[in-house]
Structures are given as structure tokens and as C-alpha cells.
Amino acid sequence: MTNYFPVVLDQASHQWLLGLPKDSFDSWEELQQAFIDNFIATCEQPVTNMVSRGYGIEKNEPLRDYIRCFSDMCLKIPKISHDEDISAFIKGLRFHEALRSKLLQKRPSMITELLATAKNYADTDDAEKLIRDDVRGTQQNE
């Protein structure tokens, strides 16, 4: 296995390996630990809990952006339950009271149901924004 190790490394890792003094390690385990110690800080660490990380929608953030970011975040969290995902999503809805209220009244049991409801609200938000922009444009032209 040690013979193939340099073959699978990216350029930075390969340079690190080439820069080590000869006979730096007595075992595969020592090399493995040195590699981990050297590169652990550069690796993206999995998020374990969105709520504890303070994840939530920003004041002027469009709902659709929040949904997209939330979905991306869910993919990065290992072994999180649907209930934890749903709770985190609802807690993060600080500036979308209507959606938050609906989800609290009839809590979805699956992420797909949650995201479908949120998408419907985002579609409504987008339509309302277009109408507001159209009304403003009409008023400015008068």
C-alpha cells in the first residue's frame, strides 16, 4: 500500500511527502498519523448540527436562497434525522412568519414535504415581488 500512496496524492500532498526527510517514519501508522495531523485543518469538517451553528435566514435573504443553502447544508451533515432537519429549518425561519406558522401548525414528517411547502411559499414570494416591482414601475412612469 505504501508504494501506491504517492500515486493517489494531489499536488500539495505529494510535495509535502517529497519534502519529508528520508526515513521519517518507522511504520505505515506513523506516516498515516503525520499525514492526518498535517492536513486535518485544510479539510472541510462535517457540520454536526445546524441549530448549534446558528444557521438561519438573514433578514433580506430570499426564501428560495435559504431553501437552497439549507438543502446543501443537510447534505453535509452525517446521520441527521428528518426531525432534526425539520426543526432546524423551522427555527431558522426568523423572517418568514407565515411559513414558520404553517409549519408549526402542521409539522411535516419528511424533508420532501417540508421542502415542497417551502417551495410553494418561495414561488408566492417571487410572484408577489414581481407584482410589487411592476406596480412600482407603473407608478414611476405616471
N, C-alpha and C. Protein backbone atom coordinates (compact mmCIF):
# COMPACT_ATOMS: atom_id res chain seq x y z
N MET A 1 0.82 -1.18 0.00
CA MET A 1 0.00 0.00 0.00
C MET A 1 0.87 1.26 0.00
N THR A 2 1.95 1.24 0.73
CA THR A 2 2.81 2.43 0.80
C THR A 2 3.39 2.78 -0.56
N ASN A 3 3.56 1.79 -1.42
CA ASN A 3 4.09 2.06 -2.76
C ASN A 3 3.11 2.88 -3.59
N TYR A 4 1.82 2.70 -3.36
CA TYR A 4 0.80 3.39 -4.14
C TYR A 4 0.40 4.74 -3.53
N PHE A 5 0.80 4.99 -2.31
CA PHE A 5 0.41 6.21 -1.62
C PHE A 5 0.75 7.47 -2.42
N PRO A 6 1.98 7.62 -2.92
CA PRO A 6 2.31 8.84 -3.68
C PRO A 6 1.48 9.00 -4.96
N VAL A 7 1.01 7.92 -5.52
CA VAL A 7 0.27 7.96 -6.78
C VAL A 7 -1.09 8.62 -6.61
N VAL A 8 -1.71 8.45 -5.45
CA VAL A 8 -3.07 8.95 -5.24
C VAL A 8 -3.12 10.35 -4.63
N LEU A 9 -1.98 10.91 -4.31
CA LEU A 9 -1.95 12.24 -3.68
C LEU A 9 -2.15 13.36 -4.68
N ASP A 10 -2.77 14.45 -4.21
CA ASP A 10 -2.84 15.64 -5.05
C ASP A 10 -1.47 16.33 -4.99
N GLN A 11 -1.32 17.42 -5.72
CA GLN A 11 0.00 18.06 -5.85
C GLN A 11 0.54 18.55 -4.50
N ALA A 12 -0.31 19.20 -3.70
CA ALA A 12 0.16 19.73 -2.41
C ALA A 12 0.59 18.60 -1.48
N SER A 13 -0.20 17.54 -1.45
CA SER A 13 0.14 16.40 -0.59
C SER A 13 1.41 15.71 -1.06
N HIS A 14 1.54 15.60 -2.36
CA HIS A 14 2.74 14.97 -2.93
C HIS A 14 3.98 15.79 -2.60
N GLN A 15 3.88 17.11 -2.69
CA GLN A 15 5.01 17.98 -2.34
C GLN A 15 5.37 17.83 -0.86
N TRP A 16 4.36 17.73 -0.01
CA TRP A 16 4.60 17.52 1.42
C TRP A 16 5.38 16.22 1.63
N LEU A 17 4.94 15.16 0.96
CA LEU A 17 5.60 13.86 1.10
C LEU A 17 7.05 13.93 0.61
N LEU A 18 7.27 14.58 -0.53
CA LEU A 18 8.63 14.68 -1.07
C LEU A 18 9.54 15.53 -0.18
N GLY A 19 8.95 16.47 0.57
CA GLY A 19 9.73 17.35 1.43
C GLY A 19 10.12 16.74 2.77
N LEU A 20 9.60 15.55 3.06
CA LEU A 20 9.94 14.92 4.34
C LEU A 20 11.36 14.36 4.30
N PRO A 21 12.05 14.44 5.42
CA PRO A 21 13.40 13.84 5.47
C PRO A 21 13.32 12.32 5.27
N LYS A 22 14.38 11.78 4.71
CA LYS A 22 14.45 10.33 4.48
C LYS A 22 14.33 9.60 5.81
N ASP A 23 13.63 8.48 5.79
CA ASP A 23 13.43 7.63 6.97
C ASP A 23 12.72 8.38 8.11
N SER A 24 11.73 9.21 7.77
CA SER A 24 10.98 9.96 8.78
C SER A 24 10.06 9.08 9.61
N PHE A 25 9.67 7.95 9.06
CA PHE A 25 8.69 7.10 9.73
C PHE A 25 9.16 5.66 9.79
N ASP A 26 8.78 5.00 10.88
CA ASP A 26 9.13 3.59 11.05
C ASP A 26 7.98 2.67 10.67
N SER A 27 6.79 3.24 10.50
CA SER A 27 5.64 2.39 10.18
C SER A 27 4.62 3.17 9.34
N TRP A 28 3.74 2.41 8.70
CA TRP A 28 2.64 2.98 7.94
C TRP A 28 1.77 3.83 8.86
N GLU A 29 1.54 3.38 10.08
CA GLU A 29 0.71 4.10 11.04
C GLU A 29 1.30 5.47 11.36
N GLU A 30 2.62 5.57 11.49
CA GLU A 30 3.27 6.86 11.76
C GLU A 30 3.08 7.83 10.58
N LEU A 31 3.27 7.31 9.37
CA LEU A 31 3.07 8.12 8.18
C LEU A 31 1.61 8.58 8.09
N GLN A 32 0.72 7.67 8.34
CA GLN A 32 -0.71 7.98 8.29
C GLN A 32 -1.06 9.09 9.29
N GLN A 33 -0.56 8.99 10.51
CA GLN A 33 -0.87 9.99 11.53
C GLN A 33 -0.24 11.35 11.19
N ALA A 34 0.98 11.33 10.67
CA ALA A 34 1.63 12.58 10.27
C ALA A 34 0.85 13.26 9.14
N PHE A 35 0.38 12.46 8.20
CA PHE A 35 -0.41 13.00 7.10
C PHE A 35 -1.70 13.64 7.62
N ILE A 36 -2.40 12.93 8.47
CA ILE A 36 -3.65 13.45 9.06
C ILE A 36 -3.37 14.72 9.84
N ASP A 37 -2.35 14.70 10.69
CA ASP A 37 -2.03 15.88 11.50
C ASP A 37 -1.70 17.09 10.63
N ASN A 38 -1.03 16.85 9.51
CA ASN A 38 -0.63 17.95 8.64
C ASN A 38 -1.80 18.54 7.85
N PHE A 39 -2.75 17.69 7.43
CA PHE A 39 -3.80 18.16 6.52
C PHE A 39 -5.18 18.28 7.14
N ILE A 40 -5.36 17.93 8.39
CA ILE A 40 -6.68 17.95 9.00
C ILE A 40 -7.30 19.35 9.00
N ALA A 41 -6.50 20.36 9.20
CA ALA A 41 -7.03 21.73 9.24
C ALA A 41 -7.51 22.22 7.88
N THR A 42 -7.03 21.62 6.79
CA THR A 42 -7.43 22.06 5.46
C THR A 42 -8.66 21.34 4.94
N CYS A 43 -9.10 20.33 5.66
CA CYS A 43 -10.27 19.55 5.23
C CYS A 43 -11.55 20.21 5.71
N GLU A 44 -12.58 20.12 4.88
CA GLU A 44 -13.89 20.63 5.28
C GLU A 44 -14.45 19.65 6.30
N GLN A 45 -14.75 20.17 7.46
CA GLN A 45 -15.27 19.33 8.53
C GLN A 45 -16.79 19.25 8.42
N PRO A 46 -17.37 18.09 8.68
CA PRO A 46 -18.83 17.98 8.61
C PRO A 46 -19.47 18.80 9.72
N VAL A 47 -20.56 19.43 9.37
CA VAL A 47 -21.34 20.16 10.36
C VAL A 47 -22.17 19.12 11.10
N THR A 48 -22.23 19.22 12.39
CA THR A 48 -22.98 18.20 13.12
C THR A 48 -24.36 18.66 13.54
N ASN A 49 -24.57 19.98 13.57
CA ASN A 49 -25.87 20.46 13.99
C ASN A 49 -26.06 21.89 13.51
N MET A 50 -27.02 22.10 12.64
CA MET A 50 -27.25 23.43 12.08
C MET A 50 -27.72 24.41 13.14
N VAL A 51 -28.52 23.93 14.07
CA VAL A 51 -29.08 24.82 15.08
C VAL A 51 -27.97 25.38 15.96
N SER A 52 -27.06 24.52 16.40
CA SER A 52 -25.98 24.99 17.26
C SER A 52 -25.00 25.89 16.51
N ARG A 53 -24.97 25.80 15.18
CA ARG A 53 -24.09 26.65 14.38
C ARG A 53 -24.75 27.99 14.07
N GLY A 54 -25.96 28.20 14.57
CA GLY A 54 -26.64 29.47 14.35
C GLY A 54 -27.14 29.64 12.94
N TYR A 55 -27.43 28.55 12.26
CA TYR A 55 -27.88 28.63 10.88
C TYR A 55 -29.30 29.17 10.83
N GLY A 56 -29.53 30.13 9.97
CA GLY A 56 -30.87 30.67 9.80
C GLY A 56 -30.89 31.69 8.69
N ILE A 57 -32.08 32.06 8.30
CA ILE A 57 -32.25 33.00 7.20
C ILE A 57 -31.87 34.40 7.66
N GLU A 58 -31.26 35.14 6.78
CA GLU A 58 -30.90 36.53 7.06
C GLU A 58 -32.12 37.41 6.75
N LYS A 59 -32.11 38.61 7.29
CA LYS A 59 -33.28 39.50 7.19
C LYS A 59 -33.76 39.70 5.75
N ASN A 60 -32.88 40.01 4.82
CA ASN A 60 -33.30 40.29 3.44
C ASN A 60 -33.00 39.14 2.48
N GLU A 61 -32.69 38.00 3.01
CA GLU A 61 -32.37 36.84 2.17
C GLU A 61 -33.66 36.28 1.56
N PRO A 62 -33.67 36.08 0.25
CA PRO A 62 -34.86 35.47 -0.36
C PRO A 62 -35.06 34.05 0.18
N LEU A 63 -36.32 33.69 0.33
CA LEU A 63 -36.66 32.37 0.86
C LEU A 63 -36.04 31.26 0.00
N ARG A 64 -36.07 31.44 -1.31
CA ARG A 64 -35.51 30.41 -2.19
C ARG A 64 -34.01 30.19 -1.92
N ASP A 65 -33.27 31.24 -1.64
CA ASP A 65 -31.84 31.11 -1.31
C ASP A 65 -31.66 30.34 -0.01
N TYR A 66 -32.52 30.63 0.98
CA TYR A 66 -32.46 29.91 2.26
C TYR A 66 -32.72 28.42 2.04
N ILE A 67 -33.71 28.10 1.24
CA ILE A 67 -34.04 26.70 0.96
C ILE A 67 -32.85 26.00 0.31
N ARG A 68 -32.25 26.67 -0.68
CA ARG A 68 -31.10 26.09 -1.39
C ARG A 68 -29.93 25.86 -0.44
N CYS A 69 -29.61 26.87 0.36
CA CYS A 69 -28.50 26.74 1.31
C CYS A 69 -28.79 25.66 2.35
N PHE A 70 -30.03 25.63 2.80
CA PHE A 70 -30.43 24.62 3.78
C PHE A 70 -30.26 23.21 3.21
N SER A 71 -30.72 23.02 1.99
CA SER A 71 -30.59 21.70 1.34
C SER A 71 -29.12 21.30 1.21
N ASP A 72 -28.28 22.26 0.81
CA ASP A 72 -26.85 21.98 0.70
C ASP A 72 -26.27 21.60 2.06
N MET A 73 -26.67 22.33 3.09
CA MET A 73 -26.17 22.07 4.44
C MET A 73 -26.58 20.67 4.91
N CYS A 74 -27.80 20.28 4.61
CA CYS A 74 -28.29 18.96 5.02
C CYS A 74 -27.44 17.84 4.44
N LEU A 75 -26.97 18.04 3.22
CA LEU A 75 -26.15 17.02 2.58
C LEU A 75 -24.79 16.85 3.27
N LYS A 76 -24.35 17.89 3.99
CA LYS A 76 -23.04 17.85 4.63
C LYS A 76 -23.09 17.30 6.05
N ILE A 77 -24.28 17.06 6.56
CA ILE A 77 -24.41 16.61 7.94
C ILE A 77 -24.65 15.11 7.96
N PRO A 78 -23.72 14.37 8.51
CA PRO A 78 -23.89 12.92 8.53
C PRO A 78 -24.92 12.49 9.58
N LYS A 79 -25.74 11.55 9.19
CA LYS A 79 -26.66 10.88 10.12
C LYS A 79 -27.57 11.83 10.90
N ILE A 80 -28.17 12.79 10.23
CA ILE A 80 -29.11 13.67 10.91
C ILE A 80 -30.52 13.19 10.56
N SER A 81 -31.39 13.21 11.52
CA SER A 81 -32.74 12.70 11.31
C SER A 81 -33.60 13.74 10.61
N HIS A 82 -34.70 13.27 10.02
CA HIS A 82 -35.64 14.19 9.38
C HIS A 82 -36.18 15.18 10.41
N ASP A 83 -36.44 14.71 11.61
CA ASP A 83 -36.99 15.59 12.64
C ASP A 83 -36.01 16.71 13.00
N GLU A 84 -34.72 16.38 13.09
CA GLU A 84 -33.70 17.40 13.37
C GLU A 84 -33.60 18.40 12.23
N ASP A 85 -33.64 17.91 10.99
CA ASP A 85 -33.61 18.79 9.82
C ASP A 85 -34.80 19.74 9.83
N ILE A 86 -35.97 19.19 10.06
CA ILE A 86 -37.20 19.99 10.05
C ILE A 86 -37.17 21.03 11.17
N SER A 87 -36.73 20.63 12.36
CA SER A 87 -36.63 21.57 13.48
C SER A 87 -35.66 22.70 13.15
N ALA A 88 -34.52 22.37 12.58
CA ALA A 88 -33.52 23.38 12.23
C ALA A 88 -34.07 24.34 11.19
N PHE A 89 -34.77 23.80 10.19
CA PHE A 89 -35.34 24.65 9.13
C PHE A 89 -36.34 25.64 9.73
N ILE A 90 -37.24 25.13 10.56
CA ILE A 90 -38.27 25.98 11.16
C ILE A 90 -37.64 27.03 12.06
N LYS A 91 -36.68 26.61 12.86
CA LYS A 91 -36.02 27.56 13.76
C LYS A 91 -35.30 28.67 12.98
N GLY A 92 -34.78 28.34 11.82
CA GLY A 92 -34.07 29.32 11.00
C GLY A 92 -34.96 30.30 10.27
N LEU A 93 -36.28 30.07 10.28
CA LEU A 93 -37.22 30.95 9.57
C LEU A 93 -37.59 32.15 10.41
N ARG A 94 -36.62 32.95 10.77
CA ARG A 94 -36.88 34.09 11.65
C ARG A 94 -37.66 35.20 10.97
N PHE A 95 -37.57 35.34 9.66
CA PHE A 95 -38.17 36.47 8.97
C PHE A 95 -39.28 36.05 7.99
N HIS A 96 -39.74 34.84 8.08
CA HIS A 96 -40.84 34.35 7.24
C HIS A 96 -41.88 33.72 8.16
N GLU A 97 -42.57 34.61 8.88
CA GLU A 97 -43.52 34.17 9.91
C GLU A 97 -44.66 33.32 9.36
N ALA A 98 -45.18 33.66 8.18
CA ALA A 98 -46.31 32.91 7.63
C ALA A 98 -45.92 31.45 7.39
N LEU A 99 -44.78 31.23 6.78
CA LEU A 99 -44.32 29.85 6.53
C LEU A 99 -44.00 29.16 7.85
N ARG A 100 -43.34 29.86 8.74
CA ARG A 100 -42.99 29.28 10.04
C ARG A 100 -44.26 28.84 10.78
N SER A 101 -45.26 29.70 10.78
CA SER A 101 -46.52 29.41 11.46
C SER A 101 -47.19 28.18 10.84
N LYS A 102 -47.23 28.12 9.51
CA LYS A 102 -47.84 26.97 8.83
C LYS A 102 -47.12 25.67 9.19
N LEU A 103 -45.80 25.72 9.20
CA LEU A 103 -45.03 24.51 9.51
C LEU A 103 -45.18 24.09 10.98
N LEU A 104 -45.37 25.06 11.84
CA LEU A 104 -45.59 24.73 13.25
C LEU A 104 -46.99 24.17 13.49
N GLN A 105 -47.96 24.65 12.73
CA GLN A 105 -49.34 24.16 12.87
C GLN A 105 -49.48 22.74 12.34
N LYS A 106 -48.89 22.49 11.19
CA LYS A 106 -48.95 21.15 10.57
C LYS A 106 -47.53 20.75 10.21
N ARG A 107 -46.85 20.20 11.20
CA ARG A 107 -45.43 19.88 11.04
C ARG A 107 -45.26 18.72 10.05
N PRO A 108 -44.43 18.94 9.01
CA PRO A 108 -44.18 17.85 8.06
C PRO A 108 -43.40 16.72 8.73
N SER A 109 -43.59 15.52 8.22
CA SER A 109 -42.86 14.39 8.80
C SER A 109 -41.64 14.00 7.96
N MET A 110 -41.60 14.49 6.73
CA MET A 110 -40.49 14.18 5.84
C MET A 110 -39.91 15.47 5.25
N ILE A 111 -38.63 15.44 4.93
CA ILE A 111 -37.95 16.60 4.34
C ILE A 111 -38.59 16.98 3.01
N THR A 112 -38.97 15.98 2.22
CA THR A 112 -39.57 16.28 0.91
C THR A 112 -40.85 17.10 1.08
N GLU A 113 -41.65 16.77 2.06
CA GLU A 113 -42.88 17.52 2.35
C GLU A 113 -42.54 18.94 2.80
N LEU A 114 -41.55 19.07 3.66
CA LEU A 114 -41.10 20.39 4.14
C LEU A 114 -40.64 21.25 2.97
N LEU A 115 -39.79 20.70 2.12
CA LEU A 115 -39.24 21.46 1.00
C LEU A 115 -40.31 21.81 -0.03
N ALA A 116 -41.30 20.94 -0.23
CA ALA A 116 -42.39 21.24 -1.15
C ALA A 116 -43.21 22.42 -0.63
N THR A 117 -43.50 22.42 0.66
CA THR A 117 -44.25 23.53 1.26
C THR A 117 -43.44 24.82 1.16
N ALA A 118 -42.16 24.74 1.48
CA ALA A 118 -41.30 25.91 1.42
C ALA A 118 -41.19 26.44 -0.02
N LYS A 119 -41.10 25.53 -0.98
CA LYS A 119 -41.03 25.93 -2.40
C LYS A 119 -42.29 26.68 -2.80
N ASN A 120 -43.44 26.21 -2.36
CA ASN A 120 -44.70 26.90 -2.68
C ASN A 120 -44.69 28.32 -2.12
N TYR A 121 -44.19 28.48 -0.91
CA TYR A 121 -44.08 29.81 -0.32
C TYR A 121 -43.08 30.67 -1.09
N ALA A 122 -41.97 30.08 -1.51
CA ALA A 122 -40.96 30.81 -2.28
C ALA A 122 -41.54 31.26 -3.62
N ASP A 123 -42.33 30.39 -4.26
CA ASP A 123 -42.98 30.75 -5.52
C ASP A 123 -43.92 31.94 -5.31
N THR A 124 -44.66 31.91 -4.20
CA THR A 124 -45.56 33.01 -3.87
C THR A 124 -44.77 34.29 -3.62
N ASP A 125 -43.68 34.18 -2.87
CA ASP A 125 -42.81 35.35 -2.63
C ASP A 125 -42.32 35.95 -3.94
N ASP A 126 -41.87 35.08 -4.85
CA ASP A 126 -41.36 35.55 -6.13
C ASP A 126 -42.45 36.27 -6.93
N ALA A 127 -43.65 35.69 -6.95
CA ALA A 127 -44.77 36.29 -7.68
C ALA A 127 -45.15 37.64 -7.08
N GLU A 128 -45.20 37.72 -5.74
CA GLU A 128 -45.53 38.98 -5.08
C GLU A 128 -44.48 40.05 -5.37
N LYS A 129 -43.22 39.65 -5.41
CA LYS A 129 -42.14 40.60 -5.72
C LYS A 129 -42.29 41.14 -7.14
N LEU A 130 -42.62 40.27 -8.08
CA LEU A 130 -42.82 40.71 -9.46
C LEU A 130 -43.97 41.71 -9.55
N ILE A 131 -45.05 41.43 -8.83
CA ILE A 131 -46.20 42.33 -8.83
C ILE A 131 -45.82 43.68 -8.22
N ARG A 132 -45.11 43.66 -7.08
CA ARG A 132 -44.67 44.91 -6.44
C ARG A 132 -43.77 45.71 -7.37
N ASP A 133 -42.82 45.02 -8.01
CA ASP A 133 -41.91 45.70 -8.94
C ASP A 133 -42.67 46.29 -10.12
N ASP A 134 -43.67 45.55 -10.61
CA ASP A 134 -44.47 46.03 -11.73
C ASP A 134 -45.29 47.26 -11.32
N VAL A 135 -45.86 47.23 -10.12
CA VAL A 135 -46.64 48.36 -9.63
C VAL A 135 -45.73 49.58 -9.46
N ARG A 136 -44.54 49.39 -8.89
CA ARG A 136 -43.59 50.50 -8.73
C ARG A 136 -43.21 51.09 -10.09
N GLY A 137 -42.95 50.21 -11.04
CA GLY A 137 -42.58 50.66 -12.38
C GLY A 137 -43.70 51.47 -13.02
N THR A 138 -44.93 51.03 -12.85
CA THR A 138 -46.09 51.74 -13.39
C THR A 138 -46.25 53.09 -12.72
N GLN A 139 -46.07 53.13 -11.39
CA GLN A 139 -46.22 54.38 -10.66
C GLN A 139 -45.13 55.39 -11.04
N GLN A 140 -43.94 54.92 -11.30
CA GLN A 140 -42.85 55.81 -11.68
C GLN A 140 -43.04 56.38 -13.07
N ASN A 141 -43.70 55.61 -13.93
CA ASN A 141 -43.93 56.07 -15.30
C ASN A 141 -45.08 57.06 -15.40
N GLU A 142 -45.89 57.17 -14.38
CA GLU A 142 -47.06 58.08 -14.42
C GLU A 142 -46.67 59.49 -14.12
